[in-house]
Every structure is written in structure tokens, then in C-alpha cells.
Amino acid sequence: MSGKKLNPLSMAPADAARLLSKAGGKAVTEQQILDATHAGAPVNDAGNINLVHLGAWLNSIPDTDC
């Protein structure tokens, strides 16, 4: 992640996990991101995460461990 420009609308799961961990103050693992995608969180054709869509998806489910 260091040195490369990040696009919050299309992030690799590992980059999304690192960014969310640093920004949120709580550890988020790549596996948690992947678990969320397997549970239905939206991804693009390349398997990348849109953080806005991920946040909306997480907010739409009643309870989550993701």
C-alpha cells in the first residue's frame, strides 16, 4: 500500500483491510474483508472493493462480525 495511490472506489481486499485498520483504530484483516464478500458484500469484476458500497452493505445487515 505504501507509495501507491489508492482508489477507495476500487481497492484490493488487502489494501482495504490495511486502510480500514489504520483509519478505524480497530484491526481489520484481509480475511474479514473476504468473508464479507463471500457473505454478499459487493465487489467489482476484478474482485476489488468499493469502500462506499461496502459501508452501505455492512449498514444494511442487522448484525455482523465482518
Foldseek 3Di string as FASTA:
>chain_A
DPPDDDDLQWAQLQVVQVVCCVVVVHHGHSVNVVVLVVVPQDHDPVRTHNNVSNVVVVVPDDDDPD
